[in-house]
Amino acid sequence: MSENPYLEMSPADDIHERLRAAVEVEQSSYLWVPEHSIAFTPRLLPVICGDGRALFSIATINQRPAYWIIRGCSTWGCGLDRDDSEGPDFAELTDDIMYALEDAFGRGRCGYCGNSLFHPREERIENCQCEECDDEYVAEWPEVDDEGGCSWSRQDWPDGFDAVPHPLSSMGNLLAITGAIRDDHA
């Protein structure tokens, strides 16, 4: 893991578990046209990064529109607000975040040749006959296939969490300092 203090990770807390219940709900989404919709459940990285007051989504190019949710630091920049933020830009953290996602959910790429383990065995062994490629196992979401990069954005906290506007961005509010969960949505 990175030596970056902004990427200090801590275990899930009660708010994190409540967040997981709110966001890990099956949905249908598409990248370009509705006819190519997929059903998937967004997955929350099981650890909290930094102060855990901001939410981000991250999707690999190969797995879009499916995405993971990162509970990250309120000081991280993202896109146009990166120069005004106190912390690093999210782009600088993506490698470490992808490693954390792989640790949590598994890697959908052969460690030897890089073949996608989401493809059937018959396709994989055309180029590689290593143990991973020769196995009948086929990877499934939320395992990570990060070949080709990723995209990311800020996310708003779901209803029921005490959130405040982000001082640098109109997108992606922040969990209030108290971190309270409003009782009216319990």
C-alpha atoms as a PDB file:
ATOM      1  CA  MET A   1       0.000   0.000   0.000  1.00  0.00           C
ATOM      2  CA  SER A   2       1.031   3.583  -0.540  1.00  0.00           C
ATOM      3  CA  GLU A   3       2.961   5.620   1.987  1.00  0.00           C
ATOM      4  CA  ASN A   4       0.626   8.507   1.162  1.00  0.00           C
ATOM      5  CA  PRO A   5      -0.993   9.762   4.399  1.00  0.00           C
ATOM      6  CA  TYR A   6      -4.139  10.640   2.433  1.00  0.00           C
ATOM      7  CA  LEU A   7      -4.581   6.950   1.682  1.00  0.00           C
ATOM      8  CA  GLU A   8      -4.456   5.755   5.263  1.00  0.00           C
ATOM      9  CA  MET A   9      -7.098   3.055   5.454  1.00  0.00           C
ATOM     10  CA  SER A  10      -9.150   2.140   8.468  1.00  0.00           C
ATOM     11  CA  PRO A  11     -11.697  -0.629   9.071  1.00  0.00           C
ATOM     12  CA  ALA A  12     -15.407  -0.173   8.485  1.00  0.00           C
ATOM     13  CA  ASP A  13     -17.456   1.563  11.165  1.00  0.00           C
ATOM     14  CA  ASP A  14     -21.222   1.723  11.797  1.00  0.00           C
ATOM     15  CA  ILE A  15     -21.659   4.478   9.197  1.00  0.00           C
ATOM     16  CA  HIS A  16     -19.789   2.371   6.637  1.00  0.00           C
ATOM     17  CA  GLU A  17     -22.061  -0.604   7.246  1.00  0.00           C
ATOM     18  CA  ARG A  18     -25.133   1.636   6.913  1.00  0.00           C
ATOM     19  CA  LEU A  19     -23.663   3.051   3.691  1.00  0.00           C
ATOM     20  CA  ARG A  20     -23.083  -0.455   2.334  1.00  0.00           C
ATOM     21  CA  ALA A  21     -26.748  -1.313   2.901  1.00  0.00           C
ATOM     22  CA  ALA A  22     -27.816   1.874   1.109  1.00  0.00           C
ATOM     23  CA  VAL A  23     -25.573   1.585  -1.978  1.00  0.00           C
ATOM     24  CA  GLU A  24     -25.137  -2.145  -2.573  1.00  0.00           C
ATOM     25  CA  VAL A  25     -28.497  -2.487  -4.282  1.00  0.00           C
ATOM     26  CA  GLU A  26     -28.945  -4.068  -7.708  1.00  0.00           C
ATOM     27  CA  GLN A  27     -29.465  -1.587 -10.497  1.00  0.00           C
ATOM     28  CA  SER A  28     -29.578  -1.485 -14.262  1.00  0.00           C
ATOM     29  CA  SER A  29     -27.295   0.813 -16.214  1.00  0.00           C
ATOM     30  CA  TYR A  30     -25.818   1.236 -19.669  1.00  0.00           C
ATOM     31  CA  LEU A  31     -22.799   2.946 -21.147  1.00  0.00           C
ATOM     32  CA  TRP A  32     -23.959   3.995 -24.620  1.00  0.00           C
ATOM     33  CA  VAL A  33     -27.432   2.703 -25.485  1.00  0.00           C
ATOM     34  CA  PRO A  34     -30.296   1.310 -23.384  1.00  0.00           C
ATOM     35  CA  GLU A  35     -30.309  -1.929 -25.383  1.00  0.00           C
ATOM     36  CA  HIS A  36     -26.951  -2.772 -23.800  1.00  0.00           C
ATOM     37  CA  SER A  37     -28.120  -2.343 -20.202  1.00  0.00           C
ATOM     38  CA  ILE A  38     -26.588  -4.585 -17.569  1.00  0.00           C
ATOM     39  CA  ALA A  39     -27.822  -5.469 -14.104  1.00  0.00           C
ATOM     40  CA  PHE A  40     -25.174  -5.163 -11.401  1.00  0.00           C
ATOM     41  CA  THR A  41     -24.742  -4.256  -7.762  1.00  0.00           C
ATOM     42  CA  PRO A  42     -22.268  -1.450  -7.011  1.00  0.00           C
ATOM     43  CA  ARG A  43     -19.797  -2.569  -4.375  1.00  0.00           C
ATOM     44  CA  LEU A  44     -18.361  -0.508  -1.536  1.00  0.00           C
ATOM     45  CA  LEU A  45     -14.640  -0.831  -0.805  1.00  0.00           C
ATOM     46  CA  PRO A  46     -14.695  -2.413   2.669  1.00  0.00           C
ATOM     47  CA  VAL A  47     -12.195   0.057   4.145  1.00  0.00           C
ATOM     48  CA  ILE A  48     -12.346   3.802   4.756  1.00  0.00           C
ATOM     49  CA  CYS A  49      -9.688   6.010   3.143  1.00  0.00           C
ATOM     50  CA  GLY A  50      -8.562   9.154   4.966  1.00  0.00           C
ATOM     51  CA  ASP A  51     -11.312  10.891   6.928  1.00  0.00           C
ATOM     52  CA  GLY A  52     -14.035   8.991   5.015  1.00  0.00           C
ATOM     53  CA  ARG A  53     -16.254  12.031   4.485  1.00  0.00           C
ATOM     54  CA  ALA A  54     -16.321  11.955   0.646  1.00  0.00           C
ATOM     55  CA  LEU A  55     -17.719   9.375  -1.750  1.00  0.00           C
ATOM     56  CA  PHE A  56     -16.272   8.524  -5.153  1.00  0.00           C
ATOM     57  CA  SER A  57     -17.204   6.011  -7.806  1.00  0.00           C
ATOM     58  CA  ILE A  58     -14.570   4.235  -9.870  1.00  0.00           C
ATOM     59  CA  ALA A  59     -15.126   2.022 -12.913  1.00  0.00           C
ATOM     60  CA  THR A  60     -12.625   0.161 -15.031  1.00  0.00           C
ATOM     61  CA  ILE A  61     -12.796   0.738 -18.756  1.00  0.00           C
ATOM     62  CA  ASN A  62     -13.461  -2.995 -19.287  1.00  0.00           C
ATOM     63  CA  GLN A  63     -16.278  -3.196 -16.742  1.00  0.00           C
ATOM     64  CA  ARG A  64     -18.209   0.035 -17.308  1.00  0.00           C
ATOM     65  CA  PRO A  65     -20.931   0.872 -16.443  1.00  0.00           C
ATOM     66  CA  ALA A  66     -20.486  -1.298 -13.300  1.00  0.00           C
ATOM     67  CA  TYR A  67     -18.572   0.549 -10.580  1.00  0.00           C
ATOM     68  CA  TRP A  68     -17.259   0.438  -7.032  1.00  0.00           C
ATOM     69  CA  ILE A  69     -17.800   3.091  -4.387  1.00  0.00           C
ATOM     70  CA  ILE A  70     -14.905   4.464  -2.362  1.00  0.00           C
ATOM     71  CA  ARG A  71     -15.406   6.192   0.959  1.00  0.00           C
ATOM     72  CA  GLY A  72     -12.504   8.601   0.681  1.00  0.00           C
ATOM     73  CA  CYS A  73     -10.964  11.702   2.151  1.00  0.00           C
ATOM     74  CA  SER A  74     -12.687  15.089   2.013  1.00  0.00           C
ATOM     75  CA  THR A  75      -9.343  16.689   1.095  1.00  0.00           C
ATOM     76  CA  TRP A  76      -8.955  14.779  -2.201  1.00  0.00           C
ATOM     77  CA  GLY A  77      -9.366  16.745  -5.392  1.00  0.00           C
ATOM     78  CA  CYS A  78     -11.285  15.403  -8.339  1.00  0.00           C
ATOM     79  CA  GLY A  79     -11.179  16.790 -11.846  1.00  0.00           C
ATOM     80  CA  LEU A  80     -11.707  20.539 -12.088  1.00  0.00           C
ATOM     81  CA  ASP A  81     -11.308  21.170  -8.336  1.00  0.00           C
ATOM     82  CA  ARG A  82      -7.965  19.334  -8.044  1.00  0.00           C
ATOM     83  CA  ASP A  83      -5.860  22.519  -7.967  1.00  0.00           C
ATOM     84  CA  ASP A  84      -7.915  24.013  -5.123  1.00  0.00           C
ATOM     85  CA  SER A  85      -7.959  20.913  -2.926  1.00  0.00           C
ATOM     86  CA  GLU A  86      -5.798  20.424   0.119  1.00  0.00           C
ATOM     87  CA  GLY A  87      -5.019  16.811  -0.729  1.00  0.00           C
ATOM     88  CA  PRO A  88      -3.968  14.931  -3.851  1.00  0.00           C
ATOM     89  CA  ASP A  89      -6.108  14.537  -6.943  1.00  0.00           C
ATOM     90  CA  PHE A  90      -8.038  11.258  -7.076  1.00  0.00           C
ATOM     91  CA  ALA A  91      -6.119  10.414 -10.275  1.00  0.00           C
ATOM     92  CA  GLU A  92      -2.892  10.176  -8.254  1.00  0.00           C
ATOM     93  CA  LEU A  93      -4.477   7.552  -5.998  1.00  0.00           C
ATOM     94  CA  THR A  94      -6.120   5.252  -8.550  1.00  0.00           C
ATOM     95  CA  ASP A  95      -3.332   2.644  -8.669  1.00  0.00           C
ATOM     96  CA  ASP A  96      -3.442   2.169  -4.905  1.00  0.00           C
ATOM     97  CA  ILE A  97      -7.243   2.164  -4.898  1.00  0.00           C
ATOM     98  CA  MET A  98      -7.315  -0.476  -7.639  1.00  0.00           C
ATOM     99  CA  TYR A  99      -4.932  -2.644  -5.567  1.00  0.00           C
ATOM    100  CA  ALA A 100      -7.246  -2.232  -2.565  1.00  0.00           C
ATOM    101  CA  LEU A 101     -10.234  -3.258  -4.708  1.00  0.00           C
ATOM    102  CA  GLU A 102      -8.317  -6.324  -5.946  1.00  0.00           C
ATOM    103  CA  ASP A 103      -7.466  -7.248  -2.348  1.00  0.00           C
ATOM    104  CA  ALA A 104     -11.111  -6.943  -1.384  1.00  0.00           C
ATOM    105  CA  PHE A 105     -12.842  -8.500  -4.411  1.00  0.00           C
ATOM    106  CA  GLY A 106     -10.210 -10.438  -6.365  1.00  0.00           C
ATOM    107  CA  ARG A 107      -8.385  -9.882  -9.637  1.00  0.00           C
ATOM    108  CA  GLY A 108     -10.027 -10.871 -12.911  1.00  0.00           C
ATOM    109  CA  ARG A 109      -6.739 -11.038 -14.847  1.00  0.00           C
ATOM    110  CA  CYS A 110      -4.187 -13.836 -15.137  1.00  0.00           C
ATOM    111  CA  GLY A 111      -1.161 -12.990 -13.024  1.00  0.00           C
ATOM    112  CA  TYR A 112       1.155 -14.586 -15.577  1.00  0.00           C
ATOM    113  CA  CYS A 113       0.024 -13.398 -19.020  1.00  0.00           C
ATOM    114  CA  GLY A 114      -2.663 -10.813 -18.247  1.00  0.00           C
ATOM    115  CA  ASN A 115      -5.511 -12.658 -20.007  1.00  0.00           C
ATOM    116  CA  SER A 116      -8.967 -11.654 -18.862  1.00  0.00           C
ATOM    117  CA  LEU A 117     -10.323 -14.343 -16.559  1.00  0.00           C
ATOM    118  CA  PHE A 118     -13.800 -13.105 -17.487  1.00  0.00           C
ATOM    119  CA  HIS A 119     -13.372 -14.905 -20.822  1.00  0.00           C
ATOM    120  CA  PRO A 120     -14.055 -18.640 -21.105  1.00  0.00           C
ATOM    121  CA  ARG A 121     -11.175 -21.095 -20.718  1.00  0.00           C
ATOM    122  CA  GLU A 122     -11.296 -21.949 -24.440  1.00  0.00           C
ATOM    123  CA  GLU A 123     -10.433 -18.342 -25.355  1.00  0.00           C
ATOM    124  CA  ARG A 124      -7.785 -17.935 -22.673  1.00  0.00           C
ATOM    125  CA  ILE A 125      -5.744 -21.029 -23.565  1.00  0.00           C
ATOM    126  CA  GLU A 126      -5.307 -19.872 -27.170  1.00  0.00           C
ATOM    127  CA  ASN A 127      -2.495 -17.608 -25.923  1.00  0.00           C
ATOM    128  CA  CYS A 128      -1.521 -19.073 -22.572  1.00  0.00           C
ATOM    129  CA  GLN A 129      -1.701 -22.486 -20.941  1.00  0.00           C
ATOM    130  CA  CYS A 130      -0.691 -21.457 -17.422  1.00  0.00           C
ATOM    131  CA  GLU A 131      -2.620 -22.786 -14.422  1.00  0.00           C
ATOM    132  CA  GLU A 132      -4.890 -19.725 -14.158  1.00  0.00           C
ATOM    133  CA  CYS A 133      -5.791 -19.650 -17.866  1.00  0.00           C
ATOM    134  CA  ASP A 134      -6.252 -23.431 -18.085  1.00  0.00           C
ATOM    135  CA  ASP A 135      -8.700 -23.453 -15.147  1.00  0.00           C
ATOM    136  CA  GLU A 136     -12.438 -23.693 -15.926  1.00  0.00           C
ATOM    137  CA  TYR A 137     -13.079 -20.812 -13.498  1.00  0.00           C
ATOM    138  CA  VAL A 138     -14.542 -17.650 -15.081  1.00  0.00           C
ATOM    139  CA  ALA A 139     -14.294 -14.390 -13.114  1.00  0.00           C
ATOM    140  CA  GLU A 140     -17.436 -12.467 -12.168  1.00  0.00           C
ATOM    141  CA  TRP A 141     -18.277  -8.992 -10.950  1.00  0.00           C
ATOM    142  CA  PRO A 142     -17.042  -7.490  -8.585  1.00  0.00           C
ATOM    143  CA  GLU A 143     -13.631  -8.993  -9.378  1.00  0.00           C
ATOM    144  CA  VAL A 144     -11.383  -6.352 -10.940  1.00  0.00           C
ATOM    145  CA  ASP A 145     -10.301  -6.182 -14.589  1.00  0.00           C
ATOM    146  CA  ASP A 146      -8.246  -2.989 -14.649  1.00  0.00           C
ATOM    147  CA  GLU A 147      -6.574  -3.507 -18.034  1.00  0.00           C
ATOM    148  CA  GLY A 148      -6.963  -0.279 -19.982  1.00  0.00           C
ATOM    149  CA  GLY A 149      -7.458   2.096 -17.070  1.00  0.00           C
ATOM    150  CA  CYS A 150     -10.381   3.499 -15.164  1.00  0.00           C
ATOM    151  CA  SER A 151     -12.657   6.482 -14.763  1.00  0.00           C
ATOM    152  CA  TRP A 152     -13.977   8.094 -11.593  1.00  0.00           C
ATOM    153  CA  SER A 153     -16.196  10.830 -10.224  1.00  0.00           C
ATOM    154  CA  ARG A 154     -17.536  12.285  -7.007  1.00  0.00           C
ATOM    155  CA  GLN A 155     -20.736  10.805  -5.555  1.00  0.00           C
ATOM    156  CA  ASP A 156     -23.360  12.258  -3.238  1.00  0.00           C
ATOM    157  CA  TRP A 157     -24.103  10.567   0.054  1.00  0.00           C
ATOM    158  CA  PRO A 158     -27.437   8.723  -0.089  1.00  0.00           C
ATOM    159  CA  ASP A 159     -30.521  10.089   1.638  1.00  0.00           C
ATOM    160  CA  GLY A 160     -30.483   9.505   5.377  1.00  0.00           C
ATOM    161  CA  PHE A 161     -26.878  10.584   5.989  1.00  0.00           C
ATOM    162  CA  ASP A 162     -26.042  13.996   7.442  1.00  0.00           C
ATOM    163  CA  ALA A 163     -24.261  15.549   4.462  1.00  0.00           C
ATOM    164  CA  VAL A 164     -23.117  19.098   3.748  1.00  0.00           C
ATOM    165  CA  PRO A 165     -22.247  20.758   0.427  1.00  0.00           C
ATOM    166  CA  HIS A 166     -18.678  20.235  -0.798  1.00  0.00           C
ATOM    167  CA  PRO A 167     -16.791  23.558  -0.534  1.00  0.00           C
ATOM    168  CA  LEU A 168     -14.954  22.997  -3.852  1.00  0.00           C
ATOM    169  CA  SER A 169     -17.483  21.157  -6.002  1.00  0.00           C
ATOM    170  CA  SER A 170     -21.172  21.184  -6.822  1.00  0.00           C
ATOM    171  CA  MET A 171     -20.915  17.396  -7.168  1.00  0.00           C
ATOM    172  CA  GLY A 172     -20.291  15.015  -4.298  1.00  0.00           C
ATOM    173  CA  ASN A 173     -21.378  16.385  -0.954  1.00  0.00           C
ATOM    174  CA  LEU A 174     -19.490  15.533   2.254  1.00  0.00           C
ATOM    175  CA  LEU A 175     -20.518  13.654   5.363  1.00  0.00           C
ATOM    176  CA  ALA A 176     -20.987  16.256   8.115  1.00  0.00           C
ATOM    177  CA  ILE A 177     -18.169  16.424  10.656  1.00  0.00           C
ATOM    178  CA  THR A 178     -20.373  14.742  13.242  1.00  0.00           C
ATOM    179  CA  GLY A 179     -20.927  11.869  10.811  1.00  0.00           C
ATOM    180  CA  ALA A 180     -24.427  11.576  12.190  1.00  0.00           C
ATOM    181  CA  ILE A 181     -27.104   9.525  10.508  1.00  0.00           C
ATOM    182  CA  ARG A 182     -30.421  11.338  10.538  1.00  0.00           C
ATOM    183  CA  ASP A 183     -33.095   9.532  12.508  1.00  0.00           C
ATOM    184  CA  ASP A 184     -35.830  10.476  10.038  1.00  0.00           C
ATOM    185  CA  HIS A 185     -34.398   7.941   7.538  1.00  0.00           C
ATOM    186  CA  ALA A 186     -33.514   5.174   9.981  1.00  0.00           C
END
